[in-house]
Amino acid sequence: MFVLGYFLQALSSVLHIIFMTATIVVIARAVLSWVSPDPYNPIVRIINQLSEPLLFMVRKYVPNISGIDFSPLIVLLIIMFLDNFLVATLNRIAIPMIQGG
Protein backbone atom coordinates (compact mmCIF):
# COMPACT_ATOMS: atom_id res chain seq x y z
CA MET A 1 0.00 0.00 0.00
CA PHE A 2 2.93 2.35 0.54
CA VAL A 3 3.47 2.57 -3.25
CA LEU A 4 -0.07 3.93 -3.69
CA GLY A 5 0.58 6.36 -0.83
CA TYR A 6 3.72 7.69 -2.51
CA PHE A 7 1.85 7.93 -5.80
CA LEU A 8 -0.94 9.97 -4.20
CA GLN A 9 1.60 12.21 -2.48
CA ALA A 10 3.43 12.80 -5.78
CA LEU A 11 0.13 13.46 -7.55
CA SER A 12 -0.81 16.03 -4.94
CA SER A 13 2.56 17.77 -5.39
CA VAL A 14 2.13 17.90 -9.16
CA LEU A 15 -1.42 19.23 -8.81
CA HIS A 16 -0.19 21.92 -6.42
CA ILE A 17 2.42 23.06 -8.96
CA ILE A 18 -0.20 23.11 -11.73
CA PHE A 19 -2.58 25.17 -9.58
CA MET A 20 0.16 27.64 -8.61
CA THR A 21 1.20 28.02 -12.25
CA ALA A 22 -2.41 28.65 -13.26
CA THR A 23 -2.68 31.24 -10.50
CA ILE A 24 0.38 33.09 -11.76
CA VAL A 25 -0.89 33.01 -15.35
CA VAL A 26 -4.34 34.36 -14.41
CA ILE A 27 -2.82 37.13 -12.28
CA ALA A 28 -0.43 38.04 -15.10
CA ARG A 29 -3.37 38.18 -17.51
CA ALA A 30 -5.29 40.47 -15.17
CA VAL A 31 -2.30 42.79 -14.77
CA LEU A 32 -1.77 42.85 -18.54
CA SER A 33 -5.39 43.89 -19.02
CA TRP A 34 -4.66 47.11 -17.12
CA VAL A 35 -2.05 48.21 -19.65
CA SER A 36 -2.01 47.96 -23.40
CA PRO A 37 0.74 45.44 -24.14
CA ASP A 38 1.98 44.59 -27.61
CA PRO A 39 -0.31 41.75 -28.77
CA TYR A 40 2.52 40.34 -30.89
CA ASN A 41 4.86 39.96 -27.93
CA PRO A 42 5.50 36.21 -27.46
CA ILE A 43 5.13 36.36 -23.68
CA VAL A 44 1.80 38.18 -23.94
CA ARG A 45 0.59 35.67 -26.51
CA ILE A 46 1.57 32.71 -24.30
CA ILE A 47 -0.15 34.22 -21.25
CA ASN A 48 -3.30 34.87 -23.31
CA GLN A 49 -3.30 31.37 -24.79
CA LEU A 50 -2.85 29.71 -21.40
CA SER A 51 -5.39 31.81 -19.53
CA GLU A 52 -8.16 32.17 -22.09
CA PRO A 53 -9.58 28.62 -21.75
CA LEU A 54 -9.92 29.08 -17.98
CA LEU A 55 -11.43 32.54 -18.25
CA PHE A 56 -13.74 31.65 -21.14
CA MET A 57 -15.46 28.92 -19.13
CA VAL A 58 -16.37 31.45 -16.44
CA ARG A 59 -17.23 34.29 -18.85
CA LYS A 60 -19.99 32.13 -20.36
CA TYR A 61 -21.85 32.23 -17.04
CA VAL A 62 -20.79 35.53 -15.45
CA PRO A 63 -21.59 38.69 -17.41
CA ASN A 64 -19.53 41.88 -17.22
CA ILE A 65 -20.98 44.18 -14.60
CA SER A 66 -20.67 47.80 -15.75
CA GLY A 67 -17.63 46.90 -17.85
CA ILE A 68 -15.74 45.06 -15.09
CA ASP A 69 -14.68 41.50 -15.83
CA PHE A 70 -14.90 39.40 -12.67
CA SER A 71 -13.84 36.15 -14.36
CA PRO A 72 -10.18 36.32 -13.19
CA LEU A 73 -11.31 36.73 -9.59
CA ILE A 74 -13.73 33.81 -9.86
CA VAL A 75 -11.12 31.61 -11.56
CA LEU A 76 -8.61 32.43 -8.81
CA LEU A 77 -11.14 31.51 -6.13
CA ILE A 78 -11.87 28.21 -7.88
CA ILE A 79 -8.15 27.45 -8.20
CA MET A 80 -7.57 28.27 -4.53
CA PHE A 81 -10.46 26.03 -3.48
CA LEU A 82 -9.26 23.12 -5.61
CA ASP A 83 -5.69 23.55 -4.40
CA ASN A 84 -6.68 23.61 -0.74
CA PHE A 85 -9.23 20.82 -1.04
CA LEU A 86 -7.68 18.34 -3.50
CA VAL A 87 -4.06 18.64 -2.46
CA ALA A 88 -4.86 18.42 1.24
CA THR A 89 -7.23 15.50 0.70
CA LEU A 90 -4.72 13.54 -1.37
CA ASN A 91 -2.02 14.16 1.23
CA ARG A 92 -4.36 13.12 4.03
CA ILE A 93 -5.16 9.87 2.22
CA ALA A 94 -1.49 9.22 1.36
CA ILE A 95 0.03 9.66 4.84
CA PRO A 96 -1.58 6.60 6.51
CA MET A 97 -0.70 4.49 3.50
CA ILE A 98 2.95 5.50 3.70
CA GLN A 99 3.13 5.00 7.46
CA GLY A 100 1.60 1.56 7.15
CA GLY A 101 -1.51 2.30 9.17
C-alpha atoms as a PDB file:
ATOM      1  CA  MET A   1       0.000   0.000   0.000  1.00  0.00           C
ATOM      2  CA  PHE A   2       2.933   2.355   0.536  1.00  0.00           C
ATOM      3  CA  VAL A   3       3.465   2.572  -3.249  1.00  0.00           C
ATOM      4  CA  LEU A   4      -0.067   3.928  -3.688  1.00  0.00           C
ATOM      5  CA  GLY A   5       0.584   6.361  -0.830  1.00  0.00           C
ATOM      6  CA  TYR A   6       3.724   7.694  -2.508  1.00  0.00           C
ATOM      7  CA  PHE A   7       1.845   7.929  -5.796  1.00  0.00           C
ATOM      8  CA  LEU A   8      -0.935   9.974  -4.196  1.00  0.00           C
ATOM      9  CA  GLN A   9       1.604  12.206  -2.485  1.00  0.00           C
ATOM     10  CA  ALA A  10       3.434  12.798  -5.779  1.00  0.00           C
ATOM     11  CA  LEU A  11       0.132  13.458  -7.548  1.00  0.00           C
ATOM     12  CA  SER A  12      -0.813  16.031  -4.941  1.00  0.00           C
ATOM     13  CA  SER A  13       2.557  17.774  -5.395  1.00  0.00           C
ATOM     14  CA  VAL A  14       2.127  17.901  -9.165  1.00  0.00           C
ATOM     15  CA  LEU A  15      -1.421  19.233  -8.807  1.00  0.00           C
ATOM     16  CA  HIS A  16      -0.188  21.918  -6.419  1.00  0.00           C
ATOM     17  CA  ILE A  17       2.422  23.063  -8.958  1.00  0.00           C
ATOM     18  CA  ILE A  18      -0.203  23.111 -11.727  1.00  0.00           C
ATOM     19  CA  PHE A  19      -2.584  25.165  -9.580  1.00  0.00           C
ATOM     20  CA  MET A  20       0.156  27.644  -8.609  1.00  0.00           C
ATOM     21  CA  THR A  21       1.205  28.025 -12.249  1.00  0.00           C
ATOM     22  CA  ALA A  22      -2.410  28.647 -13.262  1.00  0.00           C
ATOM     23  CA  THR A  23      -2.684  31.243 -10.496  1.00  0.00           C
ATOM     24  CA  ILE A  24       0.383  33.092 -11.757  1.00  0.00           C
ATOM     25  CA  VAL A  25      -0.890  33.013 -15.348  1.00  0.00           C
ATOM     26  CA  VAL A  26      -4.338  34.364 -14.412  1.00  0.00           C
ATOM     27  CA  ILE A  27      -2.818  37.130 -12.277  1.00  0.00           C
ATOM     28  CA  ALA A  28      -0.430  38.042 -15.098  1.00  0.00           C
ATOM     29  CA  ARG A  29      -3.375  38.175 -17.512  1.00  0.00           C
ATOM     30  CA  ALA A  30      -5.290  40.467 -15.165  1.00  0.00           C
ATOM     31  CA  VAL A  31      -2.305  42.787 -14.772  1.00  0.00           C
ATOM     32  CA  LEU A  32      -1.771  42.850 -18.539  1.00  0.00           C
ATOM     33  CA  SER A  33      -5.393  43.887 -19.022  1.00  0.00           C
ATOM     34  CA  TRP A  34      -4.662  47.113 -17.117  1.00  0.00           C
ATOM     35  CA  VAL A  35      -2.053  48.213 -19.651  1.00  0.00           C
ATOM     36  CA  SER A  36      -2.007  47.962 -23.398  1.00  0.00           C
ATOM     37  CA  PRO A  37       0.743  45.437 -24.142  1.00  0.00           C
ATOM     38  CA  ASP A  38       1.982  44.595 -27.609  1.00  0.00           C
ATOM     39  CA  PRO A  39      -0.313  41.745 -28.768  1.00  0.00           C
ATOM     40  CA  TYR A  40       2.517  40.336 -30.889  1.00  0.00           C
ATOM     41  CA  ASN A  41       4.864  39.957 -27.933  1.00  0.00           C
ATOM     42  CA  PRO A  42       5.505  36.209 -27.461  1.00  0.00           C
ATOM     43  CA  ILE A  43       5.133  36.362 -23.682  1.00  0.00           C
ATOM     44  CA  VAL A  44       1.804  38.185 -23.936  1.00  0.00           C
ATOM     45  CA  ARG A  45       0.588  35.666 -26.509  1.00  0.00           C
ATOM     46  CA  ILE A  46       1.568  32.707 -24.297  1.00  0.00           C
ATOM     47  CA  ILE A  47      -0.154  34.216 -21.254  1.00  0.00           C
ATOM     48  CA  ASN A  48      -3.302  34.872 -23.306  1.00  0.00           C
ATOM     49  CA  GLN A  49      -3.303  31.367 -24.792  1.00  0.00           C
ATOM     50  CA  LEU A  50      -2.850  29.713 -21.396  1.00  0.00           C
ATOM     51  CA  SER A  51      -5.394  31.808 -19.525  1.00  0.00           C
ATOM     52  CA  GLU A  52      -8.165  32.168 -22.094  1.00  0.00           C
ATOM     53  CA  PRO A  53      -9.580  28.618 -21.754  1.00  0.00           C
ATOM     54  CA  LEU A  54      -9.922  29.080 -17.985  1.00  0.00           C
ATOM     55  CA  LEU A  55     -11.434  32.537 -18.246  1.00  0.00           C
ATOM     56  CA  PHE A  56     -13.741  31.648 -21.141  1.00  0.00           C
ATOM     57  CA  MET A  57     -15.464  28.916 -19.132  1.00  0.00           C
ATOM     58  CA  VAL A  58     -16.368  31.450 -16.440  1.00  0.00           C
ATOM     59  CA  ARG A  59     -17.226  34.286 -18.851  1.00  0.00           C
ATOM     60  CA  LYS A  60     -19.991  32.131 -20.357  1.00  0.00           C
ATOM     61  CA  TYR A  61     -21.846  32.233 -17.042  1.00  0.00           C
ATOM     62  CA  VAL A  62     -20.791  35.533 -15.452  1.00  0.00           C
ATOM     63  CA  PRO A  63     -21.594  38.693 -17.410  1.00  0.00           C
ATOM     64  CA  ASN A  64     -19.528  41.877 -17.220  1.00  0.00           C
ATOM     65  CA  ILE A  65     -20.982  44.175 -14.598  1.00  0.00           C
ATOM     66  CA  SER A  66     -20.668  47.801 -15.752  1.00  0.00           C
ATOM     67  CA  GLY A  67     -17.630  46.904 -17.849  1.00  0.00           C
ATOM     68  CA  ILE A  68     -15.742  45.058 -15.087  1.00  0.00           C
ATOM     69  CA  ASP A  69     -14.678  41.495 -15.831  1.00  0.00           C
ATOM     70  CA  PHE A  70     -14.902  39.404 -12.670  1.00  0.00           C
ATOM     71  CA  SER A  71     -13.843  36.155 -14.359  1.00  0.00           C
ATOM     72  CA  PRO A  72     -10.175  36.320 -13.192  1.00  0.00           C
ATOM     73  CA  LEU A  73     -11.311  36.728  -9.591  1.00  0.00           C
ATOM     74  CA  ILE A  74     -13.727  33.814  -9.857  1.00  0.00           C
ATOM     75  CA  VAL A  75     -11.116  31.614 -11.558  1.00  0.00           C
ATOM     76  CA  LEU A  76      -8.610  32.434  -8.813  1.00  0.00           C
ATOM     77  CA  LEU A  77     -11.137  31.511  -6.130  1.00  0.00           C
ATOM     78  CA  ILE A  78     -11.866  28.206  -7.876  1.00  0.00           C
ATOM     79  CA  ILE A  79      -8.146  27.450  -8.204  1.00  0.00           C
ATOM     80  CA  MET A  80      -7.570  28.270  -4.527  1.00  0.00           C
ATOM     81  CA  PHE A  81     -10.462  26.033  -3.480  1.00  0.00           C
ATOM     82  CA  LEU A  82      -9.258  23.120  -5.605  1.00  0.00           C
ATOM     83  CA  ASP A  83      -5.691  23.553  -4.398  1.00  0.00           C
ATOM     84  CA  ASN A  84      -6.679  23.612  -0.737  1.00  0.00           C
ATOM     85  CA  PHE A  85      -9.227  20.818  -1.042  1.00  0.00           C
ATOM     86  CA  LEU A  86      -7.680  18.345  -3.501  1.00  0.00           C
ATOM     87  CA  VAL A  87      -4.057  18.636  -2.462  1.00  0.00           C
ATOM     88  CA  ALA A  88      -4.861  18.424   1.243  1.00  0.00           C
ATOM     89  CA  THR A  89      -7.232  15.500   0.705  1.00  0.00           C
ATOM     90  CA  LEU A  90      -4.723  13.543  -1.367  1.00  0.00           C
ATOM     91  CA  ASN A  91      -2.023  14.159   1.226  1.00  0.00           C
ATOM     92  CA  ARG A  92      -4.356  13.121   4.035  1.00  0.00           C
ATOM     93  CA  ILE A  93      -5.158   9.874   2.215  1.00  0.00           C
ATOM     94  CA  ALA A  94      -1.494   9.216   1.365  1.00  0.00           C
ATOM     95  CA  ILE A  95       0.033   9.660   4.843  1.00  0.00           C
ATOM     96  CA  PRO A  96      -1.580   6.603   6.512  1.00  0.00           C
ATOM     97  CA  MET A  97      -0.698   4.486   3.495  1.00  0.00           C
ATOM     98  CA  ILE A  98       2.952   5.504   3.701  1.00  0.00           C
ATOM     99  CA  GLN A  99       3.133   4.996   7.461  1.00  0.00           C
ATOM    100  CA  GLY A 100       1.595   1.562   7.149  1.00  0.00           C
ATOM    101  CA  GLY A 101      -1.507   2.299   9.165  1.00  0.00           C
END
